C-alpha cells in the first residue's frame, strides 16, 4: 500500500509517498481502506516537530479520515467488514489502508458522502465541543469567531446559529468574506494584524461579545480579551500557532474567563464519540450543517496540501485522496 510519510521534521518538502507492507488486525483492531484523509493544522505541527516528536521518523502523518472496513480482529463485535466508517485521532491516516483500534471508528450514514465524513470529524466535533460544552451557546448570545472562513470557523458559525446565537466573524482578507457570510456570520471583519477590537465594540454598541473562539494564535489573543463583555468567556485553541503571552491574573479585565478547549475533555469515551458523531451526521443529512471542502489532493501532492493550509489562504477543509 501507499502512505505519506515524513522523513524528518521540516517544511512540506519532507513529505513523500512511499510503499509500505500491509498489516492484519489483531485483537480489538480493524483494518480500513481509506477513502479520504483530512488535512489539519495538527498534521503541520507534527511535520514541523512540534507534536509527537517522541515518535521516531520516518512516520506516517494524518489523524482523521473515512473509508470502509476490510477486516476486524478478535473481540470486535460492533464494527463489521464492509461497513463505512470514519475516525479521528488515529495517527497514520495518510495511507491507503490504516490499522487502528476499532473503538476509534464511528459508523457513517448511508446519505453521507465519504469525503464529507472525512471532512467533518476533526473540525465538526471540535466546533460542537466549543459551542455546546465549553461554552453552551444560548439564544441571543453574540460570539466572535476568528478564522471564520476556515474549516472550524464555518462549522462553528453554523452551530452557533443553530443554537440561536449571532456571529461576528473575523477573516484575514477580503477574499474570505463570502465564505464566512455563507456560513451564516451576521457581521464579518477583515483583519490580518489583530486590529479588530474597535470594530467589535462598534458592532456590539460597546458592550462586547459574550464569547470569543480564538484559534489564531498569539496575534489575536490580547484583542480577543478586549472584545469581551463583562464576565465574558475566551475559548482559546490552536496550539499549532504558538502559545499566548504569559497572563497576570490580576490584570485580567472585566471579570472575564479564559480557558483552553481540549478535545479530549469533550470526547472522552466511545459512547460520547458515537453520540456526537451521529449528531453531526444528522445535522448534515437534515440540511442544518453544510461542510465546505476547500481542496482535494492526491497523495502525491501532500506537500502542496501542507503548503496551502500553512499559507492560510484556503477556505474550508482540505482532503487527501489515495
C-alpha atoms as a PDB file:
ATOM      1  CA  UNK A   1       0.000   0.000   0.000  1.00  0.00           C
ATOM      2  CA  UNK A   2       0.996   3.657  -0.357  1.00  0.00           C
ATOM      3  CA  UNK A   3       1.382   6.067   2.560  1.00  0.00           C
ATOM      4  CA  UNK A   4       2.569   9.649   3.053  1.00  0.00           C
ATOM      5  CA  UNK A   5       5.473   9.799   5.487  1.00  0.00           C
ATOM      6  CA  UNK A   6       7.703  12.499   6.927  1.00  0.00           C
ATOM      7  CA  UNK A   7      11.375  11.599   6.697  1.00  0.00           C
ATOM      8  CA  UNK A   8      12.372  14.264   9.228  1.00  0.00           C
ATOM      9  CA  UNK A   9      10.957  17.393  10.817  1.00  0.00           C
ATOM     10  CA  UNK A  10      10.819  20.333   8.435  1.00  0.00           C
ATOM     11  CA  UNK A  11       8.875  22.001   5.646  1.00  0.00           C
ATOM     12  CA  UNK A  12       6.371  20.472   3.245  1.00  0.00           C
ATOM     13  CA  UNK A  13       9.223  19.035   1.182  1.00  0.00           C
ATOM     14  CA  UNK A  14       9.946  16.380   3.848  1.00  0.00           C
ATOM     15  CA  UNK A  15       6.710  14.599   2.871  1.00  0.00           C
ATOM     16  CA  UNK A  16       6.869  11.740   0.411  1.00  0.00           C
ATOM     17  CA  UNK A  17       4.571   8.988  -0.821  1.00  0.00           C
ATOM     18  CA  UNK A  18       6.087   5.543  -0.275  1.00  0.00           C
ATOM     19  CA  UNK A  19       5.067   1.896  -0.378  1.00  0.00           C
ATOM     20  CA  UNK A  20       4.566   0.102   2.920  1.00  0.00           C
ATOM     21  CA  UNK A  21       3.628  -3.510   3.742  1.00  0.00           C
ATOM     22  CA  UNK A  22       0.016  -4.366   4.527  1.00  0.00           C
ATOM     23  CA  UNK A  23      -0.923  -5.400   8.070  1.00  0.00           C
ATOM     24  CA  UNK A  24      -3.561  -7.658   9.579  1.00  0.00           C
ATOM     25  CA  UNK A  25      -5.761  -6.646  12.530  1.00  0.00           C
ATOM     26  CA  UNK A  26      -5.019  -8.043  15.943  1.00  0.00           C
ATOM     27  CA  UNK A  27      -7.409  -8.253  18.914  1.00  0.00           C
ATOM     28  CA  UNK A  28      -9.565  -5.129  19.171  1.00  0.00           C
ATOM     29  CA  UNK A  29      -8.292  -3.746  15.862  1.00  0.00           C
ATOM     30  CA  UNK A  30      -9.739  -3.032  12.425  1.00  0.00           C
ATOM     31  CA  UNK A  31      -8.091  -2.682   9.029  1.00  0.00           C
ATOM     32  CA  UNK A  32      -9.724   0.083   6.983  1.00  0.00           C
ATOM     33  CA  UNK A  33      -9.392   1.019   3.322  1.00  0.00           C
ATOM     34  CA  UNK A  34      -9.126   4.811   3.255  1.00  0.00           C
ATOM     35  CA  UNK A  35     -11.456   6.814   1.003  1.00  0.00           C
ATOM     36  CA  UNK A  36     -10.288  10.258   2.170  1.00  0.00           C
ATOM     37  CA  UNK A  37      -7.952  11.644   4.821  1.00  0.00           C
ATOM     38  CA  UNK A  38      -8.361  15.064   6.401  1.00  0.00           C
ATOM     39  CA  UNK A  39      -5.532  17.607   6.397  1.00  0.00           C
ATOM     40  CA  UNK A  40      -5.268  19.503   9.683  1.00  0.00           C
ATOM     41  CA  UNK A  41      -3.027  22.111  11.282  1.00  0.00           C
ATOM     42  CA  UNK A  42      -2.174  19.377  13.782  1.00  0.00           C
ATOM     43  CA  UNK A  43      -0.523  17.497  10.907  1.00  0.00           C
ATOM     44  CA  UNK A  44       1.539  20.585  10.112  1.00  0.00           C
ATOM     45  CA  UNK A  45       2.632  20.753  13.757  1.00  0.00           C
ATOM     46  CA  UNK A  46       3.660  17.086  13.688  1.00  0.00           C
ATOM     47  CA  UNK A  47       5.598  17.632  10.468  1.00  0.00           C
ATOM     48  CA  UNK A  48       7.391  20.625  11.988  1.00  0.00           C
ATOM     49  CA  UNK A  49       8.390  18.576  15.034  1.00  0.00           C
ATOM     50  CA  UNK A  50       6.121  20.400  17.498  1.00  0.00           C
ATOM     51  CA  UNK A  51       3.955  17.359  18.343  1.00  0.00           C
ATOM     52  CA  UNK A  52       4.655  13.645  18.725  1.00  0.00           C
ATOM     53  CA  UNK A  53       8.373  14.265  18.362  1.00  0.00           C
ATOM     54  CA  UNK A  54       8.974  11.286  20.668  1.00  0.00           C
ATOM     55  CA  UNK A  55       7.849   9.007  17.817  1.00  0.00           C
ATOM     56  CA  UNK A  56      10.767   8.073  15.561  1.00  0.00           C
ATOM     57  CA  UNK A  57      10.951   9.092  11.912  1.00  0.00           C
ATOM     58  CA  UNK A  58      10.007   8.172   9.306  1.00  0.00           C
ATOM     59  CA  UNK A  59       6.362   8.184  10.392  1.00  0.00           C
ATOM     60  CA  UNK A  60       3.060   8.327   8.551  1.00  0.00           C
ATOM     61  CA  UNK A  61       1.097  11.552   9.041  1.00  0.00           C
ATOM     62  CA  UNK A  62      -2.633  12.174   9.385  1.00  0.00           C
ATOM     63  CA  UNK A  63      -5.143  11.616  12.191  1.00  0.00           C
ATOM     64  CA  UNK A  64      -8.561  11.665  10.510  1.00  0.00           C
ATOM     65  CA  UNK A  65     -10.413  10.064   7.645  1.00  0.00           C
ATOM     66  CA  UNK A  66     -13.164   7.877   6.275  1.00  0.00           C
ATOM     67  CA  UNK A  67     -13.332   4.585   4.441  1.00  0.00           C
ATOM     68  CA  UNK A  68     -14.560   1.002   4.502  1.00  0.00           C
ATOM     69  CA  UNK A  69     -13.667  -1.791   6.925  1.00  0.00           C
ATOM     70  CA  UNK A  70     -11.662  -4.579   5.301  1.00  0.00           C
ATOM     71  CA  UNK A  71     -11.186  -6.859   8.309  1.00  0.00           C
ATOM     72  CA  UNK A  72     -11.541  -6.909  12.075  1.00  0.00           C
ATOM     73  CA  UNK A  73      -9.618  -8.684  14.792  1.00  0.00           C
ATOM     74  CA  UNK A  74     -10.718 -10.863  17.638  1.00  0.00           C
ATOM     75  CA  UNK A  75     -13.146  -9.289  20.088  1.00  0.00           C
ATOM     76  CA  UNK A  76     -14.546  -6.677  17.687  1.00  0.00           C
ATOM     77  CA  UNK A  77     -18.309  -7.069  17.553  1.00  0.00           C
ATOM     78  CA  UNK A  78     -19.740  -3.608  16.816  1.00  0.00           C
ATOM     79  CA  UNK A  79     -17.816  -2.959  13.571  1.00  0.00           C
ATOM     80  CA  UNK A  80     -18.013  -5.361  10.618  1.00  0.00           C
ATOM     81  CA  UNK A  81     -16.140  -5.860   7.324  1.00  0.00           C
ATOM     82  CA  UNK A  82     -17.750  -3.878   4.507  1.00  0.00           C
ATOM     83  CA  UNK A  83     -19.057  -1.169   6.851  1.00  0.00           C
ATOM     84  CA  UNK A  84     -18.481   2.503   6.027  1.00  0.00           C
ATOM     85  CA  UNK A  85     -16.731   4.299   8.867  1.00  0.00           C
ATOM     86  CA  UNK A  86     -14.942   7.481   9.882  1.00  0.00           C
ATOM     87  CA  UNK A  87     -12.395   8.215  12.601  1.00  0.00           C
ATOM     88  CA  UNK A  88     -10.387  10.819  14.429  1.00  0.00           C
ATOM     89  CA  UNK A  89      -7.051  10.887  16.287  1.00  0.00           C
ATOM     90  CA  UNK A  90      -5.621   7.832  14.563  1.00  0.00           C
ATOM     91  CA  UNK A  91      -2.001   8.610  13.691  1.00  0.00           C
ATOM     92  CA  UNK A  92      -1.069   7.303  10.255  1.00  0.00           C
ATOM     93  CA  UNK A  93      -4.262   8.197   8.397  1.00  0.00           C
ATOM     94  CA  UNK A  94      -2.419   9.426   5.265  1.00  0.00           C
ATOM     95  CA  UNK A  95      -2.403   5.881   3.876  1.00  0.00           C
ATOM     96  CA  UNK A  96      -4.351   3.627   1.530  1.00  0.00           C
ATOM     97  CA  UNK A  97      -5.028   1.275   4.446  1.00  0.00           C
ATOM     98  CA  UNK A  98      -4.914   2.028   8.156  1.00  0.00           C
ATOM     99  CA  UNK A  99      -4.738  -0.419  11.047  1.00  0.00           C
ATOM    100  CA  UNK A 100      -6.395   1.131  14.092  1.00  0.00           C
ATOM    101  CA  UNK A 101      -8.278   0.414  17.316  1.00  0.00           C
ATOM    102  CA  UNK A 102     -11.840  -0.495  16.338  1.00  0.00           C
ATOM    103  CA  UNK A 103     -13.050   1.740  19.180  1.00  0.00           C
ATOM    104  CA  UNK A 104     -11.848   4.754  17.179  1.00  0.00           C
ATOM    105  CA  UNK A 105     -14.365   4.110  14.396  1.00  0.00           C
ATOM    106  CA  UNK A 106     -17.871   5.522  14.013  1.00  0.00           C
ATOM    107  CA  UNK A 107     -20.483   4.319  11.503  1.00  0.00           C
ATOM    108  CA  UNK A 108     -21.218   6.674   8.610  1.00  0.00           C
ATOM    109  CA  UNK A 109     -24.814   7.294   7.499  1.00  0.00           C
ATOM    110  CA  UNK A 110     -25.680   5.978   4.036  1.00  0.00           C
ATOM    111  CA  UNK A 111     -26.613   9.501   2.960  1.00  0.00           C
ATOM    112  CA  UNK A 112     -23.240  10.989   3.927  1.00  0.00           C
ATOM    113  CA  UNK A 113     -20.529  11.053   1.250  1.00  0.00           C
ATOM    114  CA  UNK A 114     -17.114   9.623   2.223  1.00  0.00           C
ATOM    115  CA  UNK A 115     -15.411  12.948   1.632  1.00  0.00           C
ATOM    116  CA  UNK A 116     -17.929  14.837   3.765  1.00  0.00           C
ATOM    117  CA  UNK A 117     -17.491  12.264   6.541  1.00  0.00           C
ATOM    118  CA  UNK A 118     -13.712  12.704   6.467  1.00  0.00           C
ATOM    119  CA  UNK A 119     -14.041  16.484   6.369  1.00  0.00           C
ATOM    120  CA  UNK A 120     -16.300  16.810   9.401  1.00  0.00           C
ATOM    121  CA  UNK A 121     -14.749  14.555  12.039  1.00  0.00           C
ATOM    122  CA  UNK A 122     -11.946  16.673  13.498  1.00  0.00           C
ATOM    123  CA  UNK A 123     -13.344  20.109  12.863  1.00  0.00           C
ATOM    124  CA  UNK A 124     -17.012  19.251  13.326  1.00  0.00           C
ATOM    125  CA  UNK A 125     -16.511  17.533  16.675  1.00  0.00           C
ATOM    126  CA  UNK A 126     -14.209  20.367  17.741  1.00  0.00           C
ATOM    127  CA  UNK A 127     -16.774  23.022  16.823  1.00  0.00           C
ATOM    128  CA  UNK A 128     -19.505  21.041  18.580  1.00  0.00           C
ATOM    129  CA  UNK A 129     -17.370  20.904  21.733  1.00  0.00           C
ATOM    130  CA  UNK A 130     -16.778  24.647  21.683  1.00  0.00           C
ATOM    131  CA  UNK A 131     -20.401  25.707  21.245  1.00  0.00           C
ATOM    132  CA  UNK A 132     -22.273  23.031  23.197  1.00  0.00           C
ATOM    133  CA  UNK A 133     -19.911  22.041  26.003  1.00  0.00           C
ATOM    134  CA  UNK A 134     -17.087  24.515  26.633  1.00  0.00           C
ATOM    135  CA  UNK A 135     -19.442  27.486  26.236  1.00  0.00           C
ATOM    136  CA  UNK A 136     -23.063  26.331  25.728  1.00  0.00           C
ATOM    137  CA  UNK A 137     -24.462  28.938  23.337  1.00  0.00           C
ATOM    138  CA  UNK A 138     -27.810  30.373  24.407  1.00  0.00           C
ATOM    139  CA  UNK A 139     -30.341  32.229  22.300  1.00  0.00           C
ATOM    140  CA  UNK A 140     -29.249  35.848  21.987  1.00  0.00           C
ATOM    141  CA  UNK A 141     -25.541  35.247  22.655  1.00  0.00           C
ATOM    142  CA  UNK A 142     -23.089  37.142  20.451  1.00  0.00           C
ATOM    143  CA  UNK A 143     -19.894  35.298  19.519  1.00  0.00           C
ATOM    144  CA  UNK A 144     -16.694  36.437  17.871  1.00  0.00           C
ATOM    145  CA  UNK A 145     -15.325  33.656  15.664  1.00  0.00           C
ATOM    146  CA  UNK A 146     -11.761  34.017  14.403  1.00  0.00           C
ATOM    147  CA  UNK A 147     -10.781  32.418  11.073  1.00  0.00           C
ATOM    148  CA  UNK A 148     -14.481  32.314  10.261  1.00  0.00           C
ATOM    149  CA  UNK A 149     -13.857  31.132   6.693  1.00  0.00           C
ATOM    150  CA  UNK A 150     -11.767  28.149   7.812  1.00  0.00           C
ATOM    151  CA  UNK A 151     -12.970  24.618   8.403  1.00  0.00           C
ATOM    152  CA  UNK A 152     -13.612  25.023  12.145  1.00  0.00           C
ATOM    153  CA  UNK A 153     -14.839  28.583  11.737  1.00  0.00           C
ATOM    154  CA  UNK A 154     -17.521  27.757   9.176  1.00  0.00           C
ATOM    155  CA  UNK A 155     -18.851  24.809  11.165  1.00  0.00           C
ATOM    156  CA  UNK A 156     -18.688  26.719  14.449  1.00  0.00           C
ATOM    157  CA  UNK A 157     -20.593  29.623  12.922  1.00  0.00           C
ATOM    158  CA  UNK A 158     -23.343  27.285  11.722  1.00  0.00           C
ATOM    159  CA  UNK A 159     -23.663  25.549  15.108  1.00  0.00           C
ATOM    160  CA  UNK A 160     -23.830  28.890  16.930  1.00  0.00           C
ATOM    161  CA  UNK A 161     -26.632  29.932  14.598  1.00  0.00           C
ATOM    162  CA  UNK A 162     -28.402  26.599  15.189  1.00  0.00           C
ATOM    163  CA  UNK A 163     -28.331  27.378  18.908  1.00  0.00           C
ATOM    164  CA  UNK A 164     -29.854  30.841  18.436  1.00  0.00           C
ATOM    165  CA  UNK A 165     -26.714  32.953  18.709  1.00  0.00           C
ATOM    166  CA  UNK A 166     -25.296  35.570  16.363  1.00  0.00           C
ATOM    167  CA  UNK A 167     -21.783  35.675  14.946  1.00  0.00           C
ATOM    168  CA  UNK A 168     -19.165  38.310  14.264  1.00  0.00           C
ATOM    169  CA  UNK A 169     -16.680  36.557  12.015  1.00  0.00           C
ATOM    170  CA  UNK A 170     -13.095  37.675  11.545  1.00  0.00           C
ATOM    171  CA  UNK A 171     -11.237  36.761   8.343  1.00  0.00           C
ATOM    172  CA  UNK A 172      -7.729  37.610   7.189  1.00  0.00           C
ATOM    173  CA  UNK A 173      -8.577  39.024   3.751  1.00  0.00           C
ATOM    174  CA  UNK A 174     -11.446  40.237   1.589  1.00  0.00           C
ATOM    175  CA  UNK A 175     -11.484  37.049  -0.489  1.00  0.00           C
ATOM    176  CA  UNK A 176     -12.754  35.099   2.540  1.00  0.00           C
ATOM    177  CA  UNK A 177     -15.700  37.336   3.384  1.00  0.00           C
ATOM    178  CA  UNK A 178     -18.197  35.490   1.197  1.00  0.00           C
ATOM    179  CA  UNK A 179     -17.328  32.095   2.750  1.00  0.00           C
ATOM    180  CA  UNK A 180     -17.896  33.466   6.260  1.00  0.00           C
ATOM    181  CA  UNK A 181     -21.202  35.040   5.257  1.00  0.00           C
ATOM    182  CA  UNK A 182     -22.375  31.869   3.528  1.00  0.00           C
ATOM    183  CA  UNK A 183     -21.742  30.005   6.778  1.00  0.00           C
ATOM    184  CA  UNK A 184     -24.113  32.440   8.498  1.00  0.00           C
ATOM    185  CA  UNK A 185     -21.926  35.168  10.002  1.00  0.00           C
ATOM    186  CA  UNK A 186     -24.018  38.241  10.770  1.00  0.00           C
ATOM    187  CA  UNK A 187     -21.019  40.575  10.510  1.00  0.00           C
ATOM    188  CA  UNK A 188     -17.560  39.988   9.017  1.00  0.00           C
ATOM    189  CA  UNK A 189     -14.408  41.880   9.971  1.00  0.00           C
ATOM    190  CA  UNK A 190     -11.429  41.795   7.617  1.00  0.00           C
ATOM    191  CA  UNK A 191      -8.194  41.945   9.625  1.00  0.00           C
ATOM    192  CA  UNK A 192      -4.789  40.292   9.340  1.00  0.00           C
ATOM    193  CA  UNK A 193      -2.891  42.122  12.092  1.00  0.00           C
ATOM    194  CA  UNK A 194      -5.046  41.709  15.198  1.00  0.00           C
ATOM    195  CA  UNK A 195      -6.699  45.143  14.947  1.00  0.00           C
ATOM    196  CA  UNK A 196     -10.333  44.125  15.276  1.00  0.00           C
ATOM    197  CA  UNK A 197     -11.427  45.158  18.779  1.00  0.00           C
ATOM    198  CA  UNK A 198     -12.661  48.631  17.859  1.00  0.00           C
ATOM    199  CA  UNK A 199     -14.927  47.197  15.159  1.00  0.00           C
ATOM    200  CA  UNK A 200     -16.254  44.514  17.516  1.00  0.00           C
ATOM    201  CA  UNK A 201     -17.132  47.190  20.051  1.00  0.00           C
ATOM    202  CA  UNK A 202     -18.824  49.298  17.394  1.00  0.00           C
ATOM    203  CA  UNK A 203     -20.966  46.366  16.267  1.00  0.00           C
ATOM    204  CA  UNK A 204     -21.931  45.471  19.851  1.00  0.00           C
ATOM    205  CA  UNK A 205     -22.539  49.114  20.821  1.00  0.00           C
ATOM    206  CA  UNK A 206     -19.546  48.941  23.218  1.00  0.00           C
ATOM    207  CA  UNK A 207     -20.981  46.013  25.200  1.00  0.00           C
ATOM    208  CA  UNK A 208     -18.533  43.394  23.893  1.00  0.00           C
ATOM    209  CA  UNK A 209     -19.263  39.816  22.885  1.00  0.00           C
ATOM    210  CA  UNK A 210     -20.361  37.007  25.173  1.00  0.00           C
ATOM    211  CA  UNK A 211     -17.726  34.604  23.908  1.00  0.00           C
ATOM    212  CA  UNK A 212     -14.676  34.618  21.639  1.00  0.00           C
ATOM    213  CA  UNK A 213     -13.494  31.474  19.847  1.00  0.00           C
ATOM    214  CA  UNK A 214      -9.845  32.142  19.052  1.00  0.00           C
ATOM    215  CA  UNK A 215      -7.620  29.631  17.257  1.00  0.00           C
ATOM    216  CA  UNK A 216      -5.456  32.222  15.528  1.00  0.00           C
ATOM    217  CA  UNK A 217      -2.521  32.202  17.922  1.00  0.00           C
ATOM    218  CA  UNK A 218      -0.727  34.982  19.837  1.00  0.00           C
ATOM    219  CA  UNK A 219      -1.520  37.738  17.311  1.00  0.00           C
ATOM    220  CA  UNK A 220      -5.192  37.933  18.292  1.00  0.00           C
ATOM    221  CA  UNK A 221      -5.030  36.960  21.972  1.00  0.00           C
ATOM    222  CA  UNK A 222      -4.967  40.436  23.515  1.00  0.00           C
ATOM    223  CA  UNK A 223      -7.625  41.769  21.146  1.00  0.00           C
ATOM    224  CA  UNK A 224      -9.874  38.832  21.985  1.00  0.00           C
ATOM    225  CA  UNK A 225      -9.652  39.686  25.688  1.00  0.00           C
ATOM    226  CA  UNK A 226     -10.512  43.316  24.974  1.00  0.00           C
ATOM    227  CA  UNK A 227     -13.508  42.303  22.800  1.00  0.00           C
ATOM    228  CA  UNK A 228     -15.330  40.528  25.632  1.00  0.00           C
ATOM    229  CA  UNK A 229     -18.201  41.866  27.701  1.00  0.00           C
ATOM    230  CA  UNK A 230     -18.050  41.820  31.480  1.00  0.00           C
ATOM    231  CA  UNK A 231     -17.718  38.179  32.656  1.00  0.00           C
ATOM    232  CA  UNK A 232     -17.364  37.066  29.028  1.00  0.00           C
ATOM    233  CA  UNK A 233     -15.537  33.889  28.026  1.00  0.00           C
ATOM    234  CA  UNK A 234     -12.477  33.393  25.838  1.00  0.00           C
ATOM    235  CA  UNK A 235     -12.248  29.935  24.294  1.00  0.00           C
ATOM    236  CA  UNK A 236      -8.638  29.578  23.141  1.00  0.00           C
ATOM    237  CA  UNK A 237      -7.445  26.735  20.926  1.00  0.00           C
ATOM    238  CA  UNK A 238      -4.976  26.057  18.143  1.00  0.00           C
ATOM    239  CA  UNK A 239      -1.597  25.302  19.798  1.00  0.00           C
ATOM    240  CA  UNK A 240      -0.025  24.804  16.352  1.00  0.00           C
ATOM    241  CA  UNK A 241       0.247  28.610  16.117  1.00  0.00           C
ATOM    242  CA  UNK A 242       2.071  29.014  19.420  1.00  0.00           C
ATOM    243  CA  UNK A 243       1.131  29.913  22.977  1.00  0.00           C
ATOM    244  CA  UNK A 244      -0.249  33.300  24.016  1.00  0.00           C
ATOM    245  CA  UNK A 245       1.695  35.730  26.162  1.00  0.00           C
ATOM    246  CA  UNK A 246       2.011  34.960  29.888  1.00  0.00           C
ATOM    247  CA  UNK A 247      -1.075  36.024  31.829  1.00  0.00           C
ATOM    248  CA  UNK A 248      -1.098  38.054  35.031  1.00  0.00           C
ATOM    249  CA  UNK A 249      -4.422  37.058  36.590  1.00  0.00           C
ATOM    250  CA  UNK A 250      -4.685  40.352  38.455  1.00  0.00           C
ATOM    251  CA  UNK A 251      -4.518  42.239  35.160  1.00  0.00           C
ATOM    252  CA  UNK A 252      -7.460  40.469  33.533  1.00  0.00           C
ATOM    253  CA  UNK A 253     -10.245  42.992  32.865  1.00  0.00           C
ATOM    254  CA  UNK A 254     -13.997  42.804  33.398  1.00  0.00           C
ATOM    255  CA  UNK A 255     -14.006  39.516  35.364  1.00  0.00           C
ATOM    256  CA  UNK A 256     -13.540  37.590  32.114  1.00  0.00           C
ATOM    257  CA  UNK A 257     -12.960  33.837  31.968  1.00  0.00           C
ATOM    258  CA  UNK A 258     -10.232  32.249  29.828  1.00  0.00           C
ATOM    259  CA  UNK A 259      -9.881  28.561  29.020  1.00  0.00           C
ATOM    260  CA  UNK A 260      -8.046  26.212  26.696  1.00  0.00           C
ATOM    261  CA  UNK A 261     -10.589  23.960  24.977  1.00  0.00           C
ATOM    262  CA  UNK A 262      -9.199  20.420  24.856  1.00  0.00           C
ATOM    263  CA  UNK A 263     -10.906  17.951  22.521  1.00  0.00           C
ATOM    264  CA  UNK A 264     -10.187  15.028  24.835  1.00  0.00           C
ATOM    265  CA  UNK A 265     -12.286  16.591  27.595  1.00  0.00           C
ATOM    266  CA  UNK A 266     -15.314  16.559  25.275  1.00  0.00           C
ATOM    267  CA  UNK A 267     -14.954  13.145  23.633  1.00  0.00           C
ATOM    268  CA  UNK A 268     -13.547  11.075  26.491  1.00  0.00           C
ATOM    269  CA  UNK A 269     -15.498   7.857  25.913  1.00  0.00           C
ATOM    270  CA  UNK A 270     -16.650   5.760  22.977  1.00  0.00           C
ATOM    271  CA  UNK A 271     -20.305   6.445  23.840  1.00  0.00           C
ATOM    272  CA  UNK A 272     -19.685  10.197  23.527  1.00  0.00           C
ATOM    273  CA  UNK A 273     -17.774   9.726  20.269  1.00  0.00           C
ATOM    274  CA  UNK A 274     -20.656   7.758  18.769  1.00  0.00           C
ATOM    275  CA  UNK A 275     -23.306  10.188  20.028  1.00  0.00           C
ATOM    276  CA  UNK A 276     -21.558  13.374  18.919  1.00  0.00           C
ATOM    277  CA  UNK A 277     -20.601  11.965  15.517  1.00  0.00           C
ATOM    278  CA  UNK A 278     -24.184  10.787  14.970  1.00  0.00           C
ATOM    279  CA  UNK A 279     -25.432  14.274  15.874  1.00  0.00           C
ATOM    280  CA  UNK A 280     -23.127  15.833  13.273  1.00  0.00           C
ATOM    281  CA  UNK A 281     -24.215  13.370  10.589  1.00  0.00           C
ATOM    282  CA  UNK A 282     -27.882  14.028  11.436  1.00  0.00           C
ATOM    283  CA  UNK A 283     -27.374  17.773  11.075  1.00  0.00           C
ATOM    284  CA  UNK A 284     -25.728  17.221   7.694  1.00  0.00           C
ATOM    285  CA  UNK A 285     -28.371  14.770   6.485  1.00  0.00           C
ATOM    286  CA  UNK A 286     -31.143  17.183   7.509  1.00  0.00           C
ATOM    287  CA  UNK A 287     -29.530  20.156   5.775  1.00  0.00           C
ATOM    288  CA  UNK A 288     -28.755  22.002   9.021  1.00  0.00           C
ATOM    289  CA  UNK A 289     -24.990  21.807   8.629  1.00  0.00           C
ATOM    290  CA  UNK A 290     -23.015  22.288   5.419  1.00  0.00           C
ATOM    291  CA  UNK A 291     -19.420  21.135   5.077  1.00  0.00           C
ATOM    292  CA  UNK A 292     -17.271  23.012   2.568  1.00  0.00           C
ATOM    293  CA  UNK A 293     -14.383  21.120   1.020  1.00  0.00           C
ATOM    294  CA  UNK A 294     -11.755  23.655   0.040  1.00  0.00           C
ATOM    295  CA  UNK A 295      -9.301  21.394  -1.775  1.00  0.00           C
ATOM    296  CA  UNK A 296      -8.748  17.764  -2.799  1.00  0.00           C
ATOM    297  CA  UNK A 297      -5.232  16.441  -3.422  1.00  0.00           C
ATOM    298  CA  UNK A 298      -3.795  13.044  -4.393  1.00  0.00           C
ATOM    299  CA  UNK A 299      -1.244  11.529  -2.020  1.00  0.00           C
ATOM    300  CA  UNK A 300       1.498  12.550  -4.434  1.00  0.00           C
ATOM    301  CA  UNK A 301       0.616  16.205  -3.765  1.00  0.00           C
ATOM    302  CA  UNK A 302       0.577  16.045   0.031  1.00  0.00           C
ATOM    303  CA  UNK A 303       3.387  18.603   0.139  1.00  0.00           C
ATOM    304  CA  UNK A 304       1.249  21.066  -1.801  1.00  0.00           C
ATOM    305  CA  UNK A 305      -1.699  20.467   0.514  1.00  0.00           C
ATOM    306  CA  UNK A 306       0.506  21.285   3.514  1.00  0.00           C
ATOM    307  CA  UNK A 307       1.901  24.386   1.828  1.00  0.00           C
ATOM    308  CA  UNK A 308      -1.624  25.548   1.008  1.00  0.00           C
ATOM    309  CA  UNK A 309      -3.007  25.087   4.522  1.00  0.00           C
ATOM    310  CA  UNK A 310       0.062  26.808   6.007  1.00  0.00           C
ATOM    311  CA  UNK A 311      -0.466  29.792   3.715  1.00  0.00           C
ATOM    312  CA  UNK A 312      -3.853  30.319   5.407  1.00  0.00           C
ATOM    313  CA  UNK A 313      -5.200  31.380   2.021  1.00  0.00           C
ATOM    314  CA  UNK A 314      -7.585  28.425   1.821  1.00  0.00           C
ATOM    315  CA  UNK A 315     -11.188  28.153   2.986  1.00  0.00           C
ATOM    316  CA  UNK A 316     -12.990  25.034   4.113  1.00  0.00           C
ATOM    317  CA  UNK A 317     -11.490  21.581   4.562  1.00  0.00           C
ATOM    318  CA  UNK A 318      -8.548  20.110   2.666  1.00  0.00           C
ATOM    319  CA  UNK A 319      -8.516  16.381   1.881  1.00  0.00           C
ATOM    320  CA  UNK A 320      -6.014  13.818   0.621  1.00  0.00           C
ATOM    321  CA  UNK A 321      -7.362  11.061  -1.634  1.00  0.00           C
ATOM    322  CA  UNK A 322      -5.498   7.760  -2.143  1.00  0.00           C
END
